[in-house]
Amino acid sequence: MTAERTAVPSVDPSVMHDVRRLISKSSAGMVEGRSLRVPEPVTIRAGRRGGLPFDSITSDLYLGCLPAAQICYGSCFAARSAFAADYDFGTRVENRLDADVLREDLIALPEEQRFLRNGWNSDASWNWPKALTLAELVRQSGRCTVFVTKYFRTIDPGTLAGLVEAGAELRVSVSAMDTPGQLRQRLAGLLSYREAGGVAVPVVMTSRYADERLDRRQDELVDWIVRHDLPGAENSLRFPPHLAVTDLIDKDRAGVLDDSGDLWAGRLYGEALPVPTITSVPADYPGLQSRRRSALDLDQLEAWRKDPVRTHEEVMSGGRLAKPQQCGVGRTWQIEPRT
């Protein structure tokens, strides 16, 4: 790839220093005074038959993801759920993939369920070859796997080709709060997956920032996505108001969610990032049909926006606010269901 294509929106090092400091400070309060346990691995399941809250998801490949001081944006709902149950989110425990058990769960899914989301409480990028095995099993059931990932690890060429062949959709979360190295790896990964023939969707995790330099970097990130003709989506970050990381947020340009009191700016880039978030789409979503934004059917995208993220204008209108039903659902830390 050329230098221009892999160049990422820059940021003043002092801004990134503040971001990392406030993330670490927010995380410290989640584990202070707790005696954390390492969970036992579970068998990877699919849908409600597998004991999961929705038919649209599979178990993650791992329990846990990142240590407290590194959790994403200092407010990761999955980490908060784990720490509240006295489990160590920072120790990754590899779950068991039993092909026969997963096949039975897939058979039991409603016929209209055409996709499975993986990556709702951990991240598939910790083990891409295992992600490929899961995607192949889902493909055999006639469905599409949608991986929601921070792309912590790159995909080797053989596994990448296999994921494309299995029809897996890659949704990579990016943010103005990402370090330059993180952003470079994630954006390059999106381009590599598309060039191999796969559908790669950048999901910009957005907010309104108190520091205009973060706002400007966010705008530049969206411009980069549009310029490279990637089919972008947006997910609005939610911040519990007691966390230190909320110092980064412009509270005058954020609303408050009814159920949690979280600060929330809503969707900011509807025209530039028209793809619905995966938590918004209906059961019959078949996977995105184009690898390029310029070829998207905008009417079809709107038809798939079943439970949408509120726009910034809606958030600031003063009405009651609730998040999409399937967005930010933490794992229940209990014994796995019997087969």
C-alpha atoms as a PDB file:
ATOM      1  CA  MET A   1       0.000   0.000   0.000  1.00  0.00           C
ATOM      2  CA  THR A   2       1.152   3.503  -0.720  1.00  0.00           C
ATOM      3  CA  ALA A   3       2.075   5.886   2.076  1.00  0.00           C
ATOM      4  CA  GLU A   4      -0.940   8.072   1.232  1.00  0.00           C
ATOM      5  CA  ARG A   5      -3.355   5.201   1.610  1.00  0.00           C
ATOM      6  CA  THR A   6      -2.024   4.107   4.983  1.00  0.00           C
ATOM      7  CA  ALA A   7      -1.550   7.630   6.394  1.00  0.00           C
ATOM      8  CA  VAL A   8      -3.930   8.224   9.299  1.00  0.00           C
ATOM      9  CA  PRO A   9      -5.384  11.393  10.842  1.00  0.00           C
ATOM     10  CA  SER A  10      -2.740  12.864  13.136  1.00  0.00           C
ATOM     11  CA  VAL A  11      -3.177  14.053  16.698  1.00  0.00           C
ATOM     12  CA  ASP A  12      -1.113  16.150  19.081  1.00  0.00           C
ATOM     13  CA  PRO A  13       0.789  13.785  21.442  1.00  0.00           C
ATOM     14  CA  SER A  14      -0.477  15.790  24.421  1.00  0.00           C
ATOM     15  CA  VAL A  15      -4.058  15.007  23.415  1.00  0.00           C
ATOM     16  CA  MET A  16      -3.325  11.294  23.228  1.00  0.00           C
ATOM     17  CA  HIS A  17      -1.554  11.494  26.590  1.00  0.00           C
ATOM     18  CA  ASP A  18      -4.727  12.933  28.150  1.00  0.00           C
ATOM     19  CA  VAL A  19      -6.864  10.260  26.501  1.00  0.00           C
ATOM     20  CA  ARG A  20      -4.710   7.422  27.859  1.00  0.00           C
ATOM     21  CA  ARG A  21      -4.509   9.029  31.323  1.00  0.00           C
ATOM     22  CA  LEU A  22      -8.271   9.429  31.656  1.00  0.00           C
ATOM     23  CA  ILE A  23      -8.942   5.930  30.325  1.00  0.00           C
ATOM     24  CA  SER A  24      -6.557   4.472  32.901  1.00  0.00           C
ATOM     25  CA  LYS A  25      -8.070   6.585  35.694  1.00  0.00           C
ATOM     26  CA  SER A  26     -11.593   5.480  34.750  1.00  0.00           C
ATOM     27  CA  SER A  27     -10.577   1.846  34.690  1.00  0.00           C
ATOM     28  CA  ALA A  28      -8.855   1.909  38.065  1.00  0.00           C
ATOM     29  CA  GLY A  29     -12.114   2.469  39.914  1.00  0.00           C
ATOM     30  CA  MET A  30     -13.649  -0.636  38.363  1.00  0.00           C
ATOM     31  CA  VAL A  31     -11.175  -3.046  39.956  1.00  0.00           C
ATOM     32  CA  GLU A  32     -10.109  -1.204  43.110  1.00  0.00           C
ATOM     33  CA  GLY A  33     -10.665  -3.387  46.167  1.00  0.00           C
ATOM     34  CA  ARG A  34     -11.947  -6.349  44.147  1.00  0.00           C
ATOM     35  CA  SER A  35     -10.576  -9.876  44.295  1.00  0.00           C
ATOM     36  CA  LEU A  36     -10.938 -10.954  40.692  1.00  0.00           C
ATOM     37  CA  ARG A  37     -11.418 -14.538  39.526  1.00  0.00           C
ATOM     38  CA  VAL A  38     -10.392 -16.099  36.228  1.00  0.00           C
ATOM     39  CA  PRO A  39     -13.485 -17.634  34.595  1.00  0.00           C
ATOM     40  CA  GLU A  40     -13.738 -21.197  33.349  1.00  0.00           C
ATOM     41  CA  PRO A  41     -14.023 -21.603  29.559  1.00  0.00           C
ATOM     42  CA  VAL A  42     -17.443 -22.290  28.064  1.00  0.00           C
ATOM     43  CA  THR A  43     -18.591 -24.010  24.900  1.00  0.00           C
ATOM     44  CA  ILE A  44     -19.276 -21.613  22.032  1.00  0.00           C
ATOM     45  CA  ARG A  45     -22.995 -21.491  21.302  1.00  0.00           C
ATOM     46  CA  ALA A  46     -25.377 -19.696  18.942  1.00  0.00           C
ATOM     47  CA  GLY A  47     -28.709 -18.022  19.551  1.00  0.00           C
ATOM     48  CA  ARG A  48     -31.298 -18.511  22.247  1.00  0.00           C
ATOM     49  CA  ARG A  49     -30.992 -22.301  22.119  1.00  0.00           C
ATOM     50  CA  GLY A  50     -27.409 -21.777  23.235  1.00  0.00           C
ATOM     51  CA  GLY A  51     -28.528 -19.689  26.205  1.00  0.00           C
ATOM     52  CA  LEU A  52     -27.664 -16.350  24.580  1.00  0.00           C
ATOM     53  CA  PRO A  53     -29.907 -13.287  24.808  1.00  0.00           C
ATOM     54  CA  PHE A  54     -30.565 -13.026  21.042  1.00  0.00           C
ATOM     55  CA  ASP A  55     -30.703 -15.350  18.042  1.00  0.00           C
ATOM     56  CA  SER A  56     -28.373 -12.968  16.202  1.00  0.00           C
ATOM     57  CA  ILE A  57     -25.216 -13.734  18.203  1.00  0.00           C
ATOM     58  CA  THR A  58     -22.711 -16.476  18.952  1.00  0.00           C
ATOM     59  CA  SER A  59     -20.571 -16.811  22.046  1.00  0.00           C
ATOM     60  CA  ASP A  60     -17.236 -15.066  21.788  1.00  0.00           C
ATOM     61  CA  LEU A  61     -14.081 -17.027  21.069  1.00  0.00           C
ATOM     62  CA  TYR A  62     -12.706 -15.888  24.432  1.00  0.00           C
ATOM     63  CA  LEU A  63     -13.893 -14.771  27.833  1.00  0.00           C
ATOM     64  CA  GLY A  64     -12.140 -11.517  28.672  1.00  0.00           C
ATOM     65  CA  CYS A  65     -10.194  -9.195  26.424  1.00  0.00           C
ATOM     66  CA  LEU A  66      -8.012  -6.397  27.873  1.00  0.00           C
ATOM     67  CA  PRO A  67      -6.677  -5.406  31.317  1.00  0.00           C
ATOM     68  CA  ALA A  68      -8.551  -2.691  33.192  1.00  0.00           C
ATOM     69  CA  ALA A  69      -6.037   0.056  32.389  1.00  0.00           C
ATOM     70  CA  GLN A  70      -6.415  -0.626  28.659  1.00  0.00           C
ATOM     71  CA  ILE A  71     -10.131  -1.224  28.177  1.00  0.00           C
ATOM     72  CA  CYS A  72     -11.569   0.559  25.180  1.00  0.00           C
ATOM     73  CA  TYR A  73     -12.453   4.212  25.816  1.00  0.00           C
ATOM     74  CA  GLY A  74     -12.306   3.576  29.571  1.00  0.00           C
ATOM     75  CA  SER A  75     -15.970   2.605  29.500  1.00  0.00           C
ATOM     76  CA  CYS A  76     -16.267  -0.841  27.846  1.00  0.00           C
ATOM     77  CA  PHE A  77     -19.632  -2.303  28.884  1.00  0.00           C
ATOM     78  CA  ALA A  78     -18.283  -5.867  28.673  1.00  0.00           C
ATOM     79  CA  ALA A  79     -15.418  -5.045  31.030  1.00  0.00           C
ATOM     80  CA  ARG A  80     -17.754  -3.291  33.462  1.00  0.00           C
ATOM     81  CA  SER A  81     -20.031  -6.343  33.476  1.00  0.00           C
ATOM     82  CA  ALA A  82     -17.120  -8.702  34.155  1.00  0.00           C
ATOM     83  CA  PHE A  83     -15.552  -6.602  36.902  1.00  0.00           C
ATOM     84  CA  ALA A  84     -18.940  -6.108  38.595  1.00  0.00           C
ATOM     85  CA  ALA A  85     -19.201  -9.912  38.809  1.00  0.00           C
ATOM     86  CA  ASP A  86     -15.615 -10.118  40.170  1.00  0.00           C
ATOM     87  CA  TYR A  87     -14.238 -11.692  36.999  1.00  0.00           C
ATOM     88  CA  ASP A  88     -10.882 -10.676  35.538  1.00  0.00           C
ATOM     89  CA  PHE A  89     -11.601  -9.205  32.113  1.00  0.00           C
ATOM     90  CA  GLY A  90      -7.866  -8.820  31.545  1.00  0.00           C
ATOM     91  CA  THR A  91      -7.177 -12.557  31.451  1.00  0.00           C
ATOM     92  CA  ARG A  92      -8.292 -14.072  28.164  1.00  0.00           C
ATOM     93  CA  VAL A  93      -9.720 -17.581  28.506  1.00  0.00           C
ATOM     94  CA  GLU A  94     -10.172 -19.475  25.250  1.00  0.00           C
ATOM     95  CA  ASN A  95     -13.646 -20.952  24.832  1.00  0.00           C
ATOM     96  CA  ARG A  96     -14.264 -24.413  23.362  1.00  0.00           C
ATOM     97  CA  LEU A  97     -15.474 -24.726  19.784  1.00  0.00           C
ATOM     98  CA  ASP A  98     -17.407 -28.001  19.432  1.00  0.00           C
ATOM     99  CA  ALA A  99     -18.565 -28.214  15.822  1.00  0.00           C
ATOM    100  CA  ASP A 100     -21.400 -30.643  16.572  1.00  0.00           C
ATOM    101  CA  VAL A 101     -22.838 -28.493  19.361  1.00  0.00           C
ATOM    102  CA  LEU A 102     -22.641 -25.344  17.229  1.00  0.00           C
ATOM    103  CA  ARG A 103     -24.270 -27.093  14.249  1.00  0.00           C
ATOM    104  CA  GLU A 104     -27.228 -28.112  16.422  1.00  0.00           C
ATOM    105  CA  ASP A 105     -27.638 -24.531  17.605  1.00  0.00           C
ATOM    106  CA  LEU A 106     -27.507 -23.274  14.013  1.00  0.00           C
ATOM    107  CA  ILE A 107     -30.130 -25.810  12.915  1.00  0.00           C
ATOM    108  CA  ALA A 108     -32.414 -24.582  15.703  1.00  0.00           C
ATOM    109  CA  LEU A 109     -32.204 -20.925  14.657  1.00  0.00           C
ATOM    110  CA  PRO A 110     -35.287 -19.369  13.040  1.00  0.00           C
ATOM    111  CA  GLU A 111     -35.165 -19.606   9.266  1.00  0.00           C
ATOM    112  CA  GLU A 112     -35.334 -15.813   8.956  1.00  0.00           C
ATOM    113  CA  GLN A 113     -32.102 -15.384  10.975  1.00  0.00           C
ATOM    114  CA  ARG A 114     -29.627 -14.841   8.141  1.00  0.00           C
ATOM    115  CA  PHE A 115     -26.583 -13.551  10.023  1.00  0.00           C
ATOM    116  CA  LEU A 116     -24.662 -14.255  13.236  1.00  0.00           C
ATOM    117  CA  ARG A 117     -22.704 -11.547  15.044  1.00  0.00           C
ATOM    118  CA  ASN A 118     -19.469 -12.480  16.812  1.00  0.00           C
ATOM    119  CA  GLY A 119     -17.596 -10.031  19.020  1.00  0.00           C
ATOM    120  CA  TRP A 120     -20.086  -8.614  21.505  1.00  0.00           C
ATOM    121  CA  ASN A 121     -18.119  -9.163  24.753  1.00  0.00           C
ATOM    122  CA  SER A 122     -14.634  -9.995  23.451  1.00  0.00           C
ATOM    123  CA  ASP A 123     -12.767  -9.888  20.128  1.00  0.00           C
ATOM    124  CA  ALA A 124     -12.240 -12.463  17.387  1.00  0.00           C
ATOM    125  CA  SER A 125      -8.931 -10.902  16.376  1.00  0.00           C
ATOM    126  CA  TRP A 126      -7.149 -12.674  19.231  1.00  0.00           C
ATOM    127  CA  ASN A 127      -7.478 -15.881  17.166  1.00  0.00           C
ATOM    128  CA  TRP A 128      -8.326 -15.358  13.506  1.00  0.00           C
ATOM    129  CA  PRO A 129      -7.823 -19.023  12.485  1.00  0.00           C
ATOM    130  CA  LYS A 130     -10.443 -20.052  15.064  1.00  0.00           C
ATOM    131  CA  ALA A 131     -12.694 -17.253  13.795  1.00  0.00           C
ATOM    132  CA  LEU A 132     -12.391 -18.795  10.335  1.00  0.00           C
ATOM    133  CA  THR A 133     -13.533 -22.194  11.649  1.00  0.00           C
ATOM    134  CA  LEU A 134     -16.583 -20.572  13.210  1.00  0.00           C
ATOM    135  CA  ALA A 135     -17.348 -18.596  10.027  1.00  0.00           C
ATOM    136  CA  GLU A 136     -17.152 -21.769   7.920  1.00  0.00           C
ATOM    137  CA  LEU A 137     -19.659 -23.527  10.198  1.00  0.00           C
ATOM    138  CA  VAL A 138     -22.006 -20.565  10.011  1.00  0.00           C
ATOM    139  CA  ARG A 139     -21.612 -20.468   6.220  1.00  0.00           C
ATOM    140  CA  GLN A 140     -22.522 -24.154   6.003  1.00  0.00           C
ATOM    141  CA  SER A 141     -25.826 -23.284   7.684  1.00  0.00           C
ATOM    142  CA  GLY A 142     -26.527 -20.781   4.895  1.00  0.00           C
ATOM    143  CA  ARG A 143     -25.791 -17.684   6.975  1.00  0.00           C
ATOM    144  CA  CYS A 144     -23.267 -14.850   7.128  1.00  0.00           C
ATOM    145  CA  THR A 145     -20.915 -14.208  10.035  1.00  0.00           C
ATOM    146  CA  VAL A 146     -20.368 -10.567  10.983  1.00  0.00           C
ATOM    147  CA  PHE A 147     -17.225 -10.047  13.058  1.00  0.00           C
ATOM    148  CA  VAL A 148     -17.233  -6.869  15.159  1.00  0.00           C
ATOM    149  CA  THR A 149     -13.593  -6.305  16.030  1.00  0.00           C
ATOM    150  CA  LYS A 150     -10.943  -3.837  17.144  1.00  0.00           C
ATOM    151  CA  TYR A 151      -8.482  -5.727  14.917  1.00  0.00           C
ATOM    152  CA  PHE A 152      -5.916  -6.130  17.697  1.00  0.00           C
ATOM    153  CA  ARG A 153      -4.045  -8.672  15.557  1.00  0.00           C
ATOM    154  CA  THR A 154      -3.671  -8.715  11.782  1.00  0.00           C
ATOM    155  CA  ILE A 155      -4.938 -11.615   9.668  1.00  0.00           C
ATOM    156  CA  ASP A 156      -2.424 -13.868   7.934  1.00  0.00           C
ATOM    157  CA  PRO A 157      -2.984 -14.170   4.144  1.00  0.00           C
ATOM    158  CA  GLY A 158      -4.288 -17.743   4.210  1.00  0.00           C
ATOM    159  CA  THR A 159      -6.825 -17.057   6.949  1.00  0.00           C
ATOM    160  CA  LEU A 160      -7.857 -13.812   5.253  1.00  0.00           C
ATOM    161  CA  ALA A 161      -8.591 -15.663   2.017  1.00  0.00           C
ATOM    162  CA  GLY A 162     -10.582 -18.249   3.966  1.00  0.00           C
ATOM    163  CA  LEU A 163     -12.687 -15.593   5.700  1.00  0.00           C
ATOM    164  CA  VAL A 164     -13.481 -13.998   2.353  1.00  0.00           C
ATOM    165  CA  GLU A 165     -14.437 -17.406   0.929  1.00  0.00           C
ATOM    166  CA  ALA A 166     -16.683 -18.015   3.951  1.00  0.00           C
ATOM    167  CA  GLY A 167     -18.488 -14.736   3.231  1.00  0.00           C
ATOM    168  CA  ALA A 168     -17.572 -13.189   6.577  1.00  0.00           C
ATOM    169  CA  GLU A 169     -18.277  -9.474   6.950  1.00  0.00           C
ATOM    170  CA  LEU A 170     -15.574  -7.608   8.860  1.00  0.00           C
ATOM    171  CA  ARG A 171     -16.708  -4.605  10.916  1.00  0.00           C
ATOM    172  CA  VAL A 172     -13.687  -2.849  12.396  1.00  0.00           C
ATOM    173  CA  SER A 173     -14.260  -0.279  15.148  1.00  0.00           C
ATOM    174  CA  VAL A 174     -12.187   2.910  14.874  1.00  0.00           C
ATOM    175  CA  SER A 175     -12.184   6.105  16.912  1.00  0.00           C
ATOM    176  CA  ALA A 176     -10.575   9.505  17.300  1.00  0.00           C
ATOM    177  CA  MET A 177      -9.295   8.124  20.620  1.00  0.00           C
ATOM    178  CA  ASP A 178      -7.279   5.368  18.934  1.00  0.00           C
ATOM    179  CA  THR A 179      -3.521   5.734  19.036  1.00  0.00           C
ATOM    180  CA  PRO A 180      -1.828   6.398  15.668  1.00  0.00           C
ATOM    181  CA  GLY A 181      -0.523   2.814  15.645  1.00  0.00           C
ATOM    182  CA  GLN A 182      -3.931   1.328  16.369  1.00  0.00           C
ATOM    183  CA  LEU A 183      -5.589   3.433  13.717  1.00  0.00           C
ATOM    184  CA  ARG A 184      -2.939   2.621  11.131  1.00  0.00           C
ATOM    185  CA  GLN A 185      -3.338  -1.132  11.715  1.00  0.00           C
ATOM    186  CA  ARG A 186      -7.140  -1.010  11.644  1.00  0.00           C
ATOM    187  CA  LEU A 187      -7.453   1.095   8.500  1.00  0.00           C
ATOM    188  CA  ALA A 188      -4.835  -0.959   6.666  1.00  0.00           C
ATOM    189  CA  GLY A 189      -6.697  -4.124   7.698  1.00  0.00           C
ATOM    190  CA  LEU A 190      -9.935  -2.788   6.245  1.00  0.00           C
ATOM    191  CA  LEU A 191      -8.292  -2.052   2.907  1.00  0.00           C
ATOM    192  CA  SER A 192      -6.523  -5.433   2.808  1.00  0.00           C
ATOM    193  CA  TYR A 193      -9.762  -7.315   3.442  1.00  0.00           C
ATOM    194  CA  ARG A 194     -11.588  -5.413   0.710  1.00  0.00           C
ATOM    195  CA  GLU A 195      -8.760  -5.925  -1.748  1.00  0.00           C
ATOM    196  CA  ALA A 196      -8.966  -9.675  -1.083  1.00  0.00           C
ATOM    197  CA  GLY A 197     -12.626  -9.582  -2.108  1.00  0.00           C
ATOM    198  CA  GLY A 198     -14.291  -9.274   1.288  1.00  0.00           C
ATOM    199  CA  VAL A 199     -16.774  -6.798   2.737  1.00  0.00           C
ATOM    200  CA  ALA A 200     -14.970  -4.522   5.215  1.00  0.00           C
ATOM    201  CA  VAL A 201     -16.982  -1.934   7.155  1.00  0.00           C
ATOM    202  CA  PRO A 202     -15.286   0.703   9.306  1.00  0.00           C
ATOM    203  CA  VAL A 203     -17.486   1.499  12.315  1.00  0.00           C
ATOM    204  CA  VAL A 204     -16.613   4.931  13.678  1.00  0.00           C
ATOM    205  CA  MET A 205     -17.198   5.112  17.439  1.00  0.00           C
ATOM    206  CA  THR A 206     -18.183   8.748  17.786  1.00  0.00           C
ATOM    207  CA  SER A 207     -18.884  11.466  20.322  1.00  0.00           C
ATOM    208  CA  ARG A 208     -18.695  15.227  20.696  1.00  0.00           C
ATOM    209  CA  TYR A 209     -15.424  16.136  22.358  1.00  0.00           C
ATOM    210  CA  ALA A 210     -14.522  19.008  24.655  1.00  0.00           C
ATOM    211  CA  ASP A 211     -11.157  19.342  22.877  1.00  0.00           C
ATOM    212  CA  GLU A 212     -11.700  20.559  19.321  1.00  0.00           C
ATOM    213  CA  ARG A 213      -8.563  18.671  18.253  1.00  0.00           C
ATOM    214  CA  LEU A 214     -10.329  15.359  18.925  1.00  0.00           C
ATOM    215  CA  ASP A 215     -13.419  16.596  17.085  1.00  0.00           C
ATOM    216  CA  ARG A 216     -11.219  17.576  14.147  1.00  0.00           C
ATOM    217  CA  ARG A 217      -9.456  14.203  14.149  1.00  0.00           C
ATOM    218  CA  GLN A 218     -12.834  12.473  14.119  1.00  0.00           C
ATOM    219  CA  ASP A 219     -13.907  14.527  11.094  1.00  0.00           C
ATOM    220  CA  GLU A 220     -10.640  13.656   9.337  1.00  0.00           C
ATOM    221  CA  LEU A 221     -11.173   9.967  10.070  1.00  0.00           C
ATOM    222  CA  VAL A 222     -14.629  10.080   8.488  1.00  0.00           C
ATOM    223  CA  ASP A 223     -13.176  11.963   5.498  1.00  0.00           C
ATOM    224  CA  TRP A 224     -10.522   9.230   5.110  1.00  0.00           C
ATOM    225  CA  ILE A 225     -13.231   6.550   5.018  1.00  0.00           C
ATOM    226  CA  VAL A 226     -15.286   8.454   2.424  1.00  0.00           C
ATOM    227  CA  ARG A 227     -12.210   9.179   0.313  1.00  0.00           C
ATOM    228  CA  HIS A 228     -11.339   5.485   0.195  1.00  0.00           C
ATOM    229  CA  ASP A 229     -14.923   4.584  -0.754  1.00  0.00           C
ATOM    230  CA  LEU A 230     -15.389   2.259   2.210  1.00  0.00           C
ATOM    231  CA  PRO A 231     -18.965   1.487   3.320  1.00  0.00           C
ATOM    232  CA  GLY A 232     -18.847   3.167   6.715  1.00  0.00           C
ATOM    233  CA  ALA A 233     -21.101   2.788   9.752  1.00  0.00           C
ATOM    234  CA  GLU A 234     -21.325   4.760  12.987  1.00  0.00           C
ATOM    235  CA  ASN A 235     -21.921   3.838  16.605  1.00  0.00           C
ATOM    236  CA  SER A 236     -22.304   6.557  19.215  1.00  0.00           C
ATOM    237  CA  LEU A 237     -20.199   6.029  22.345  1.00  0.00           C
ATOM    238  CA  ARG A 238     -21.921   6.046  25.738  1.00  0.00           C
ATOM    239  CA  PHE A 239     -20.088   7.202  28.867  1.00  0.00           C
ATOM    240  CA  PRO A 240     -21.193   6.631  32.481  1.00  0.00           C
ATOM    241  CA  PRO A 241     -21.056  10.154  33.955  1.00  0.00           C
ATOM    242  CA  HIS A 242     -19.031   9.155  37.034  1.00  0.00           C
ATOM    243  CA  LEU A 243     -16.034   8.002  34.953  1.00  0.00           C
ATOM    244  CA  ALA A 244     -13.031  10.299  34.544  1.00  0.00           C
ATOM    245  CA  VAL A 245     -13.035   9.738  30.778  1.00  0.00           C
ATOM    246  CA  THR A 246     -16.158  11.917  30.528  1.00  0.00           C
ATOM    247  CA  ASP A 247     -13.793  14.898  30.922  1.00  0.00           C
ATOM    248  CA  LEU A 248     -13.100  14.340  27.219  1.00  0.00           C
ATOM    249  CA  ILE A 249     -16.766  14.810  26.284  1.00  0.00           C
ATOM    250  CA  ASP A 250     -18.542  18.089  25.580  1.00  0.00           C
ATOM    251  CA  LYS A 251     -21.415  17.644  28.027  1.00  0.00           C
ATOM    252  CA  ASP A 252     -23.338  20.542  26.477  1.00  0.00           C
ATOM    253  CA  ARG A 253     -23.545  18.551  23.231  1.00  0.00           C
ATOM    254  CA  ALA A 254     -24.594  15.229  24.771  1.00  0.00           C
ATOM    255  CA  GLY A 255     -27.889  13.797  25.972  1.00  0.00           C
ATOM    256  CA  VAL A 256     -28.585  11.419  28.850  1.00  0.00           C
ATOM    257  CA  LEU A 257     -29.880   7.865  28.381  1.00  0.00           C
ATOM    258  CA  ASP A 258     -32.986   6.960  30.363  1.00  0.00           C
ATOM    259  CA  ASP A 259     -31.943   3.568  31.691  1.00  0.00           C
ATOM    260  CA  SER A 260     -28.313   4.223  32.637  1.00  0.00           C
ATOM    261  CA  GLY A 261     -27.759   7.967  32.814  1.00  0.00           C
ATOM    262  CA  ASP A 262     -24.915   7.555  30.315  1.00  0.00           C
ATOM    263  CA  LEU A 263     -23.832  10.577  28.282  1.00  0.00           C
ATOM    264  CA  TRP A 264     -24.585  10.062  24.597  1.00  0.00           C
ATOM    265  CA  ALA A 265     -24.162  12.339  21.579  1.00  0.00           C
ATOM    266  CA  GLY A 266     -26.078  10.236  19.067  1.00  0.00           C
ATOM    267  CA  ARG A 267     -25.274   9.614  15.410  1.00  0.00           C
ATOM    268  CA  LEU A 268     -23.347  12.480  13.814  1.00  0.00           C
ATOM    269  CA  TYR A 269     -22.434  11.387  10.274  1.00  0.00           C
ATOM    270  CA  GLY A 270     -25.576   9.926   8.725  1.00  0.00           C
ATOM    271  CA  GLU A 271     -24.784  10.835   5.105  1.00  0.00           C
ATOM    272  CA  ALA A 272     -21.070  10.017   5.190  1.00  0.00           C
ATOM    273  CA  LEU A 273     -21.508   6.776   7.194  1.00  0.00           C
ATOM    274  CA  PRO A 274     -24.816   5.351   5.928  1.00  0.00           C
ATOM    275  CA  VAL A 275     -24.447   1.657   6.852  1.00  0.00           C
ATOM    276  CA  PRO A 276     -26.640   0.638   9.834  1.00  0.00           C
ATOM    277  CA  THR A 277     -24.790  -0.666  12.870  1.00  0.00           C
ATOM    278  CA  ILE A 278     -25.122  -4.425  13.194  1.00  0.00           C
ATOM    279  CA  THR A 279     -27.230  -4.050  16.355  1.00  0.00           C
ATOM    280  CA  SER A 280     -29.788  -2.088  14.285  1.00  0.00           C
ATOM    281  CA  VAL A 281     -30.469  -4.553  11.472  1.00  0.00           C
ATOM    282  CA  PRO A 282     -33.329  -7.080  11.257  1.00  0.00           C
ATOM    283  CA  ALA A 283     -32.903 -10.853  11.426  1.00  0.00           C
ATOM    284  CA  ASP A 284     -33.025 -11.234   7.648  1.00  0.00           C
ATOM    285  CA  TYR A 285     -29.984  -9.012   7.034  1.00  0.00           C
ATOM    286  CA  PRO A 286     -27.943 -11.095   4.533  1.00  0.00           C
ATOM    287  CA  GLY A 287     -24.659  -9.213   4.763  1.00  0.00           C
ATOM    288  CA  LEU A 288     -23.715  -6.034   2.939  1.00  0.00           C
ATOM    289  CA  GLN A 289     -24.009  -6.446  -0.812  1.00  0.00           C
ATOM    290  CA  SER A 290     -21.264  -4.019  -1.866  1.00  0.00           C
ATOM    291  CA  ARG A 291     -17.638  -3.510  -0.888  1.00  0.00           C
ATOM    292  CA  ARG A 292     -17.751   0.186  -1.841  1.00  0.00           C
ATOM    293  CA  ARG A 293     -19.792   3.054  -0.476  1.00  0.00           C
ATOM    294  CA  SER A 294     -20.405   4.447  -3.967  1.00  0.00           C
ATOM    295  CA  ALA A 295     -22.270   1.278  -4.961  1.00  0.00           C
ATOM    296  CA  LEU A 296     -24.522   1.075  -1.904  1.00  0.00           C
ATOM    297  CA  ASP A 297     -28.295   1.026  -2.312  1.00  0.00           C
ATOM    298  CA  LEU A 298     -29.228   3.769   0.168  1.00  0.00           C
ATOM    299  CA  ASP A 299     -32.904   2.807   0.153  1.00  0.00           C
ATOM    300  CA  GLN A 300     -31.988  -0.755   1.082  1.00  0.00           C
ATOM    301  CA  LEU A 301     -29.750   0.500   3.898  1.00  0.00           C
ATOM    302  CA  GLU A 302     -32.631   2.512   5.329  1.00  0.00           C
ATOM    303  CA  ALA A 303     -34.890  -0.531   5.083  1.00  0.00           C
ATOM    304  CA  TRP A 304     -32.352  -2.450   7.189  1.00  0.00           C
ATOM    305  CA  ARG A 305     -32.254   0.273   9.866  1.00  0.00           C
ATOM    306  CA  LYS A 306     -34.807  -1.470  12.082  1.00  0.00           C
ATOM    307  CA  ASP A 307     -33.685  -0.280  15.535  1.00  0.00           C
ATOM    308  CA  PRO A 308     -31.525   2.723  14.704  1.00  0.00           C
ATOM    309  CA  VAL A 309     -29.074   4.715  16.746  1.00  0.00           C
ATOM    310  CA  ARG A 310     -30.647   8.135  17.401  1.00  0.00           C
ATOM    311  CA  THR A 311     -29.255  11.081  15.459  1.00  0.00           C
ATOM    312  CA  HIS A 312     -27.515  13.934  17.268  1.00  0.00           C
ATOM    313  CA  GLU A 313     -30.472  16.184  16.483  1.00  0.00           C
ATOM    314  CA  GLU A 314     -32.861  13.690  18.095  1.00  0.00           C
ATOM    315  CA  VAL A 315     -30.626  13.370  21.153  1.00  0.00           C
ATOM    316  CA  MET A 316     -30.461  17.137  21.610  1.00  0.00           C
ATOM    317  CA  SER A 317     -34.203  17.660  21.094  1.00  0.00           C
ATOM    318  CA  GLY A 318     -34.890  16.932  24.760  1.00  0.00           C
ATOM    319  CA  GLY A 319     -36.962  13.775  24.260  1.00  0.00           C
ATOM    320  CA  ARG A 320     -36.598  10.534  26.219  1.00  0.00           C
ATOM    321  CA  LEU A 321     -33.657   8.434  25.053  1.00  0.00           C
ATOM    322  CA  ALA A 322     -33.084   4.701  24.943  1.00  0.00           C
ATOM    323  CA  LYS A 323     -30.278   2.764  23.271  1.00  0.00           C
ATOM    324  CA  PRO A 324     -31.008   0.099  20.622  1.00  0.00           C
ATOM    325  CA  GLN A 325     -32.155  -3.139  22.254  1.00  0.00           C
ATOM    326  CA  GLN A 326     -29.218  -5.277  21.130  1.00  0.00           C
ATOM    327  CA  CYS A 327     -26.509  -2.645  21.664  1.00  0.00           C
ATOM    328  CA  GLY A 328     -24.183  -2.879  24.681  1.00  0.00           C
ATOM    329  CA  VAL A 329     -25.539  -6.092  26.193  1.00  0.00           C
ATOM    330  CA  GLY A 330     -23.093  -7.545  28.684  1.00  0.00           C
ATOM    331  CA  ARG A 331     -22.466 -11.243  29.093  1.00  0.00           C
ATOM    332  CA  THR A 332     -24.228 -12.972  31.985  1.00  0.00           C
ATOM    333  CA  TRP A 333     -21.498 -14.485  34.141  1.00  0.00           C
ATOM    334  CA  GLN A 334     -23.034 -17.824  35.052  1.00  0.00           C
ATOM    335  CA  ILE A 335     -22.656 -21.528  34.352  1.00  0.00           C
ATOM    336  CA  GLU A 336     -23.150 -22.357  30.685  1.00  0.00           C
ATOM    337  CA  PRO A 337     -26.436 -23.960  29.611  1.00  0.00           C
ATOM    338  CA  ARG A 338     -26.633 -27.708  29.144  1.00  0.00           C
ATOM    339  CA  THR A 339     -26.699 -29.136  25.637  1.00  0.00           C
END
